[in-house]
Amino acid sequence: MILPLLKGLQLTFRTFFTRPITIQYPEEKMVMHPRFRGLHQLARDPEGKILCVACELCAAVCPANCIRVEPGEGPTHRRFPKVYEIDLGRCIFCGFCQEACPYGAILLQGNFEIANYTRKDLIYNRDQLIHAYDPK
């Protein structure tokens, strides 16, 4: 009975005198791993047009069912997403949407600062996803 107590106290004293590993968050940012999946972004070509052709594969493969795409067609008969919404409150950031996109239109960036006060603010539309934060 006394041996487990002494082992526990030994561990406590060993960690008690070490420096804590604490990041002062707003001033210091945590270094994210290269494969981290954060905020979504819709990619554009060099001309500024959205690469997405509204094939809806991302919405079909999403396990959380948080992506909504409504296709539209331009004057040149090129498809584009008339409505593209992602509910980040439901998203599990699995990356399936990025892998399923045949055109590479969806990118999961390294931004993890997406907290909001209401659930309504966590629904990102097409314009918000085009101009999403891109850390450099």
N, C-alpha and C. Protein backbone atom coordinates (compact mmCIF):
# COMPACT_ATOMS: atom_id res chain seq x y z
N MET A 1 0.82 -1.19 0.00
CA MET A 1 0.00 0.00 0.00
C MET A 1 0.87 1.26 0.00
N ILE A 2 1.95 1.24 0.69
CA ILE A 2 2.80 2.43 0.76
C ILE A 2 3.66 2.58 -0.49
N LEU A 3 4.01 1.46 -1.17
CA LEU A 3 4.84 1.52 -2.37
C LEU A 3 4.16 2.28 -3.51
N PRO A 4 2.88 2.02 -3.84
CA PRO A 4 2.23 2.82 -4.90
C PRO A 4 2.14 4.30 -4.53
N LEU A 5 1.95 4.60 -3.27
CA LEU A 5 1.89 5.99 -2.83
C LEU A 5 3.23 6.68 -3.05
N LEU A 6 4.32 6.01 -2.73
CA LEU A 6 5.64 6.60 -2.93
C LEU A 6 5.96 6.77 -4.41
N LYS A 7 5.54 5.81 -5.25
CA LYS A 7 5.75 5.95 -6.69
C LYS A 7 4.97 7.15 -7.24
N GLY A 8 3.77 7.34 -6.77
CA GLY A 8 2.97 8.50 -7.20
C GLY A 8 3.59 9.80 -6.75
N LEU A 9 4.09 9.85 -5.53
CA LEU A 9 4.74 11.06 -5.04
C LEU A 9 6.04 11.34 -5.79
N GLN A 10 6.75 10.29 -6.17
CA GLN A 10 7.98 10.46 -6.94
C GLN A 10 7.66 11.11 -8.29
N LEU A 11 6.63 10.64 -8.95
CA LEU A 11 6.22 11.23 -10.23
C LEU A 11 5.77 12.67 -10.05
N THR A 12 5.04 12.94 -8.98
CA THR A 12 4.57 14.29 -8.71
C THR A 12 5.74 15.24 -8.49
N PHE A 13 6.70 14.85 -7.69
CA PHE A 13 7.85 15.72 -7.42
C PHE A 13 8.73 15.88 -8.65
N ARG A 14 8.81 14.86 -9.49
CA ARG A 14 9.63 14.97 -10.69
C ARG A 14 9.04 16.00 -11.65
N THR A 15 7.73 16.02 -11.82
CA THR A 15 7.11 16.98 -12.74
C THR A 15 6.86 18.33 -12.08
N PHE A 16 6.88 18.39 -10.77
CA PHE A 16 6.60 19.64 -10.07
C PHE A 16 7.71 20.67 -10.29
N PHE A 17 8.94 20.23 -10.44
CA PHE A 17 10.06 21.15 -10.55
C PHE A 17 10.51 21.39 -11.99
N THR A 18 9.76 20.93 -12.97
CA THR A 18 10.08 21.22 -14.37
C THR A 18 9.30 22.45 -14.81
N ARG A 19 9.80 23.10 -15.84
CA ARG A 19 9.11 24.29 -16.36
C ARG A 19 7.87 23.86 -17.13
N PRO A 20 6.76 24.56 -16.95
CA PRO A 20 5.55 24.20 -17.69
C PRO A 20 5.69 24.54 -19.17
N ILE A 21 5.09 23.73 -20.02
CA ILE A 21 5.10 23.97 -21.46
C ILE A 21 3.79 24.69 -21.79
N THR A 22 3.85 25.99 -21.82
CA THR A 22 2.66 26.80 -22.05
C THR A 22 2.93 27.78 -23.19
N ILE A 23 2.00 27.88 -24.10
CA ILE A 23 2.11 28.83 -25.19
C ILE A 23 1.22 30.02 -24.85
N GLN A 24 1.78 31.21 -24.88
CA GLN A 24 1.01 32.43 -24.64
C GLN A 24 0.25 32.73 -25.92
N TYR A 25 -1.00 32.24 -26.01
CA TYR A 25 -1.71 32.10 -27.27
C TYR A 25 -1.83 33.35 -28.14
N PRO A 26 -2.38 34.43 -27.72
CA PRO A 26 -2.55 35.47 -28.75
C PRO A 26 -1.22 35.99 -29.30
N GLU A 27 -0.20 36.02 -28.47
CA GLU A 27 1.09 36.51 -28.94
C GLU A 27 1.85 35.44 -29.70
N GLU A 28 1.83 34.21 -29.20
CA GLU A 28 2.54 33.10 -29.83
C GLU A 28 1.53 32.18 -30.49
N LYS A 29 1.77 31.87 -31.73
CA LYS A 29 0.90 30.94 -32.44
C LYS A 29 1.51 29.55 -32.40
N MET A 30 0.65 28.56 -32.30
CA MET A 30 1.10 27.18 -32.29
C MET A 30 1.51 26.78 -33.71
N VAL A 31 2.60 26.07 -33.84
CA VAL A 31 3.06 25.62 -35.15
C VAL A 31 2.25 24.37 -35.51
N MET A 32 1.52 24.47 -36.61
CA MET A 32 0.67 23.37 -37.03
C MET A 32 1.45 22.43 -37.94
N HIS A 33 1.10 21.18 -37.91
CA HIS A 33 1.73 20.19 -38.76
C HIS A 33 1.34 20.44 -40.22
N PRO A 34 2.18 20.05 -41.17
CA PRO A 34 1.87 20.31 -42.59
C PRO A 34 0.58 19.65 -43.06
N ARG A 35 0.19 18.54 -42.47
CA ARG A 35 -1.02 17.84 -42.91
C ARG A 35 -2.26 18.26 -42.12
N PHE A 36 -2.18 19.32 -41.34
CA PHE A 36 -3.32 19.79 -40.56
C PHE A 36 -4.42 20.28 -41.50
N ARG A 37 -5.65 19.94 -41.19
CA ARG A 37 -6.80 20.35 -42.00
C ARG A 37 -7.63 21.34 -41.20
N GLY A 38 -7.66 22.57 -41.67
CA GLY A 38 -8.39 23.62 -40.98
C GLY A 38 -9.49 24.19 -41.85
N LEU A 39 -9.56 25.50 -41.90
CA LEU A 39 -10.61 26.21 -42.61
C LEU A 39 -10.58 25.92 -44.11
N HIS A 40 -11.75 25.75 -44.70
CA HIS A 40 -11.87 25.47 -46.13
C HIS A 40 -11.62 26.74 -46.93
N GLN A 41 -11.18 26.56 -48.17
CA GLN A 41 -11.01 27.67 -49.10
C GLN A 41 -11.31 27.17 -50.50
N LEU A 42 -12.01 27.98 -51.29
CA LEU A 42 -12.24 27.65 -52.69
C LEU A 42 -11.12 28.25 -53.52
N ALA A 43 -10.43 27.43 -54.28
CA ALA A 43 -9.29 27.88 -55.07
C ALA A 43 -9.75 28.56 -56.35
N ARG A 44 -8.90 29.47 -56.82
CA ARG A 44 -9.18 30.17 -58.07
C ARG A 44 -8.01 29.98 -59.03
N ASP A 45 -8.30 30.11 -60.32
CA ASP A 45 -7.24 30.03 -61.32
C ASP A 45 -6.54 31.39 -61.41
N PRO A 46 -5.48 31.51 -62.19
CA PRO A 46 -4.77 32.80 -62.28
C PRO A 46 -5.63 33.95 -62.79
N GLU A 47 -6.68 33.65 -63.54
CA GLU A 47 -7.58 34.70 -64.03
C GLU A 47 -8.56 35.16 -62.97
N GLY A 48 -8.67 34.44 -61.87
CA GLY A 48 -9.56 34.82 -60.79
C GLY A 48 -10.88 34.06 -60.78
N LYS A 49 -11.07 33.12 -61.70
CA LYS A 49 -12.31 32.34 -61.74
C LYS A 49 -12.21 31.16 -60.78
N ILE A 50 -13.34 30.79 -60.21
CA ILE A 50 -13.39 29.66 -59.29
C ILE A 50 -13.14 28.37 -60.06
N LEU A 51 -12.31 27.51 -59.51
CA LEU A 51 -12.02 26.22 -60.15
C LEU A 51 -13.18 25.24 -60.02
N CYS A 52 -14.06 25.45 -59.07
CA CYS A 52 -15.18 24.54 -58.83
C CYS A 52 -16.16 24.57 -60.00
N VAL A 53 -16.58 23.39 -60.45
CA VAL A 53 -17.56 23.28 -61.53
C VAL A 53 -18.88 22.72 -61.02
N ALA A 54 -19.09 22.73 -59.71
CA ALA A 54 -20.33 22.29 -59.07
C ALA A 54 -20.71 20.87 -59.46
N CYS A 55 -19.74 19.97 -59.41
CA CYS A 55 -20.02 18.57 -59.72
C CYS A 55 -20.67 17.87 -58.54
N GLU A 56 -20.64 18.47 -57.37
CA GLU A 56 -21.28 18.01 -56.14
C GLU A 56 -20.68 16.71 -55.59
N LEU A 57 -19.46 16.37 -56.00
CA LEU A 57 -18.80 15.20 -55.44
C LEU A 57 -18.42 15.44 -53.98
N CYS A 58 -18.07 16.67 -53.66
CA CYS A 58 -17.70 16.99 -52.27
C CYS A 58 -18.91 16.81 -51.35
N ALA A 59 -20.06 17.23 -51.80
CA ALA A 59 -21.27 17.08 -50.99
C ALA A 59 -21.66 15.60 -50.87
N ALA A 60 -21.42 14.83 -51.91
CA ALA A 60 -21.78 13.41 -51.88
C ALA A 60 -20.88 12.61 -50.94
N VAL A 61 -19.61 12.97 -50.87
CA VAL A 61 -18.66 12.19 -50.07
C VAL A 61 -18.59 12.66 -48.62
N CYS A 62 -19.15 13.79 -48.30
CA CYS A 62 -19.06 14.36 -46.95
C CYS A 62 -19.84 13.50 -45.94
N PRO A 63 -19.15 12.93 -44.94
CA PRO A 63 -19.86 12.08 -43.97
C PRO A 63 -20.75 12.88 -43.02
N ALA A 64 -20.46 14.15 -42.81
CA ALA A 64 -21.25 14.98 -41.91
C ALA A 64 -22.40 15.68 -42.62
N ASN A 65 -22.46 15.57 -43.95
CA ASN A 65 -23.51 16.20 -44.75
C ASN A 65 -23.58 17.70 -44.47
N CYS A 66 -22.45 18.37 -44.51
CA CYS A 66 -22.41 19.78 -44.17
C CYS A 66 -22.17 20.68 -45.38
N ILE A 67 -22.06 20.12 -46.57
CA ILE A 67 -21.79 20.91 -47.77
C ILE A 67 -23.05 20.94 -48.63
N ARG A 68 -23.40 22.14 -49.08
CA ARG A 68 -24.57 22.31 -49.97
C ARG A 68 -24.12 23.05 -51.21
N VAL A 69 -24.35 22.44 -52.38
CA VAL A 69 -23.94 23.02 -53.65
C VAL A 69 -25.14 23.08 -54.57
N GLU A 70 -25.37 24.26 -55.16
CA GLU A 70 -26.40 24.42 -56.20
C GLU A 70 -25.68 24.90 -57.45
N PRO A 71 -25.71 24.10 -58.52
CA PRO A 71 -24.98 24.49 -59.73
C PRO A 71 -25.71 25.56 -60.53
N GLY A 72 -24.93 26.32 -61.24
CA GLY A 72 -25.44 27.30 -62.19
C GLY A 72 -24.67 27.16 -63.48
N GLU A 73 -25.16 27.79 -64.53
CA GLU A 73 -24.48 27.68 -65.82
C GLU A 73 -24.31 29.07 -66.41
N GLY A 74 -23.09 29.35 -66.84
CA GLY A 74 -22.78 30.66 -67.40
C GLY A 74 -23.14 30.76 -68.87
N PRO A 75 -22.88 31.91 -69.48
CA PRO A 75 -23.21 32.10 -70.90
C PRO A 75 -22.37 31.22 -71.83
N THR A 76 -21.21 30.78 -71.36
CA THR A 76 -20.37 29.89 -72.18
C THR A 76 -20.66 28.42 -71.88
N HIS A 77 -21.74 28.15 -71.18
CA HIS A 77 -22.17 26.81 -70.78
C HIS A 77 -21.17 26.14 -69.85
N ARG A 78 -20.42 26.94 -69.13
CA ARG A 78 -19.50 26.42 -68.12
C ARG A 78 -20.23 26.44 -66.78
N ARG A 79 -20.18 25.32 -66.08
CA ARG A 79 -20.87 25.23 -64.79
C ARG A 79 -20.05 25.94 -63.71
N PHE A 80 -20.76 26.49 -62.75
CA PHE A 80 -20.13 27.13 -61.60
C PHE A 80 -21.07 26.98 -60.42
N PRO A 81 -20.57 27.09 -59.20
CA PRO A 81 -21.46 26.97 -58.04
C PRO A 81 -22.22 28.28 -57.80
N LYS A 82 -23.53 28.22 -58.04
CA LYS A 82 -24.36 29.38 -57.75
C LYS A 82 -24.45 29.57 -56.24
N VAL A 83 -24.62 28.47 -55.52
CA VAL A 83 -24.62 28.47 -54.05
C VAL A 83 -23.64 27.41 -53.60
N TYR A 84 -22.72 27.79 -52.74
CA TYR A 84 -21.77 26.84 -52.16
C TYR A 84 -21.65 27.20 -50.69
N GLU A 85 -22.17 26.33 -49.83
CA GLU A 85 -22.15 26.59 -48.39
C GLU A 85 -21.55 25.41 -47.65
N ILE A 86 -20.77 25.73 -46.63
CA ILE A 86 -20.23 24.72 -45.73
C ILE A 86 -20.59 25.12 -44.32
N ASP A 87 -21.24 24.22 -43.60
CA ASP A 87 -21.57 24.46 -42.20
C ASP A 87 -20.41 23.95 -41.35
N LEU A 88 -19.55 24.86 -40.91
CA LEU A 88 -18.37 24.48 -40.15
C LEU A 88 -18.71 24.00 -38.75
N GLY A 89 -19.92 24.24 -38.29
CA GLY A 89 -20.36 23.71 -37.01
C GLY A 89 -20.57 22.21 -37.07
N ARG A 90 -20.89 21.70 -38.24
CA ARG A 90 -21.11 20.26 -38.43
C ARG A 90 -19.90 19.56 -39.02
N CYS A 91 -19.00 20.31 -39.64
CA CYS A 91 -17.86 19.73 -40.34
C CYS A 91 -16.93 19.04 -39.35
N ILE A 92 -16.42 17.87 -39.74
CA ILE A 92 -15.48 17.14 -38.89
C ILE A 92 -14.06 17.26 -39.42
N PHE A 93 -13.85 18.07 -40.44
CA PHE A 93 -12.53 18.37 -41.00
C PHE A 93 -11.78 17.09 -41.37
N CYS A 94 -12.47 16.19 -42.04
CA CYS A 94 -11.88 14.91 -42.41
C CYS A 94 -11.04 15.01 -43.68
N GLY A 95 -11.32 15.98 -44.53
CA GLY A 95 -10.56 16.16 -45.76
C GLY A 95 -11.08 15.36 -46.94
N PHE A 96 -12.20 14.66 -46.78
CA PHE A 96 -12.76 13.87 -47.88
C PHE A 96 -13.17 14.77 -49.04
N CYS A 97 -13.68 15.96 -48.75
CA CYS A 97 -14.11 16.87 -49.81
C CYS A 97 -12.92 17.29 -50.67
N GLN A 98 -11.79 17.54 -50.04
CA GLN A 98 -10.59 17.93 -50.77
C GLN A 98 -10.08 16.78 -51.64
N GLU A 99 -10.14 15.57 -51.13
CA GLU A 99 -9.68 14.42 -51.88
C GLU A 99 -10.62 14.06 -53.02
N ALA A 100 -11.92 14.30 -52.86
CA ALA A 100 -12.90 13.92 -53.88
C ALA A 100 -12.96 14.91 -55.03
N CYS A 101 -12.50 16.13 -54.85
CA CYS A 101 -12.63 17.16 -55.89
C CYS A 101 -11.67 16.86 -57.04
N PRO A 102 -12.20 16.62 -58.25
CA PRO A 102 -11.33 16.30 -59.38
C PRO A 102 -10.56 17.51 -59.91
N TYR A 103 -10.98 18.72 -59.57
CA TYR A 103 -10.34 19.93 -60.08
C TYR A 103 -9.44 20.61 -59.05
N GLY A 104 -9.39 20.07 -57.85
CA GLY A 104 -8.56 20.69 -56.80
C GLY A 104 -9.11 22.03 -56.37
N ALA A 105 -10.42 22.18 -56.36
CA ALA A 105 -11.04 23.46 -56.05
C ALA A 105 -11.18 23.69 -54.55
N ILE A 106 -11.16 22.66 -53.75
CA ILE A 106 -11.31 22.81 -52.31
C ILE A 106 -9.96 22.58 -51.65
N LEU A 107 -9.56 23.54 -50.84
CA LEU A 107 -8.31 23.44 -50.08
C LEU A 107 -8.63 23.58 -48.61
N LEU A 108 -8.02 22.76 -47.79
CA LEU A 108 -8.17 22.90 -46.35
C LEU A 108 -6.90 23.56 -45.83
N GLN A 109 -7.03 24.80 -45.43
CA GLN A 109 -5.89 25.61 -45.02
C GLN A 109 -5.50 25.32 -43.58
N GLY A 110 -4.46 25.97 -43.10
CA GLY A 110 -3.96 25.76 -41.75
C GLY A 110 -4.59 26.65 -40.71
N ASN A 111 -5.65 27.35 -41.03
CA ASN A 111 -6.27 28.26 -40.07
C ASN A 111 -7.18 27.48 -39.13
N PHE A 112 -6.96 27.62 -37.85
CA PHE A 112 -7.80 26.95 -36.87
C PHE A 112 -8.61 27.94 -36.04
N GLU A 113 -8.51 29.21 -36.33
CA GLU A 113 -9.21 30.24 -35.56
C GLU A 113 -10.55 30.56 -36.24
N ILE A 114 -11.55 29.73 -36.00
CA ILE A 114 -12.84 29.91 -36.66
C ILE A 114 -13.97 30.01 -35.64
N ALA A 115 -13.65 30.39 -34.42
CA ALA A 115 -14.68 30.49 -33.38
C ALA A 115 -15.60 31.67 -33.65
N ASN A 116 -16.89 31.49 -33.37
CA ASN A 116 -17.90 32.54 -33.52
C ASN A 116 -18.86 32.45 -32.35
N TYR A 117 -19.69 33.49 -32.22
CA TYR A 117 -20.64 33.54 -31.12
C TYR A 117 -21.94 32.82 -31.41
N THR A 118 -22.30 32.70 -32.69
CA THR A 118 -23.55 32.03 -33.05
C THR A 118 -23.27 30.94 -34.07
N ARG A 119 -24.15 29.96 -34.13
CA ARG A 119 -24.00 28.88 -35.10
C ARG A 119 -24.24 29.38 -36.52
N LYS A 120 -25.04 30.42 -36.65
CA LYS A 120 -25.32 30.99 -37.97
C LYS A 120 -24.06 31.55 -38.61
N ASP A 121 -23.14 32.06 -37.79
CA ASP A 121 -21.89 32.60 -38.32
C ASP A 121 -20.91 31.53 -38.77
N LEU A 122 -21.16 30.27 -38.42
CA LEU A 122 -20.29 29.17 -38.83
C LEU A 122 -20.66 28.61 -40.20
N ILE A 123 -21.71 29.13 -40.82
CA ILE A 123 -22.08 28.72 -42.17
C ILE A 123 -21.40 29.67 -43.14
N TYR A 124 -20.40 29.14 -43.85
CA TYR A 124 -19.63 29.96 -44.79
C TYR A 124 -20.21 29.79 -46.18
N ASN A 125 -20.42 30.91 -46.87
CA ASN A 125 -20.94 30.86 -48.24
C ASN A 125 -19.79 30.94 -49.23
N ARG A 126 -20.11 30.99 -50.50
CA ARG A 126 -19.11 30.94 -51.56
C ARG A 126 -18.13 32.12 -51.48
N ASP A 127 -18.63 33.30 -51.25
CA ASP A 127 -17.75 34.47 -51.20
C ASP A 127 -16.80 34.43 -50.01
N GLN A 128 -17.28 33.94 -48.88
CA GLN A 128 -16.42 33.82 -47.71
C GLN A 128 -15.35 32.76 -47.93
N LEU A 129 -15.69 31.70 -48.63
CA LEU A 129 -14.72 30.63 -48.89
C LEU A 129 -13.68 31.03 -49.93
N ILE A 130 -14.05 31.92 -50.84
CA ILE A 130 -13.07 32.40 -51.84
C ILE A 130 -12.04 33.27 -51.15
N HIS A 131 -12.47 34.12 -50.24
CA HIS A 131 -11.58 35.05 -49.56
C HIS A 131 -11.17 34.56 -48.19
N ALA A 132 -11.15 33.24 -48.00
CA ALA A 132 -10.79 32.67 -46.69
C ALA A 132 -9.34 32.98 -46.37
N TYR A 133 -9.05 32.97 -45.11
CA TYR A 133 -7.71 33.26 -44.61
C TYR A 133 -6.72 32.23 -45.12
N ASP A 134 -5.61 32.70 -45.64
CA ASP A 134 -4.56 31.83 -46.16
C ASP A 134 -3.26 32.15 -45.44
N PRO A 135 -2.87 31.34 -44.43
CA PRO A 135 -1.63 31.64 -43.71
C PRO A 135 -0.41 31.41 -44.57
N LYS A 136 0.58 32.26 -44.41
CA LYS A 136 1.80 32.15 -45.22
C LYS A 136 3.00 31.94 -44.38
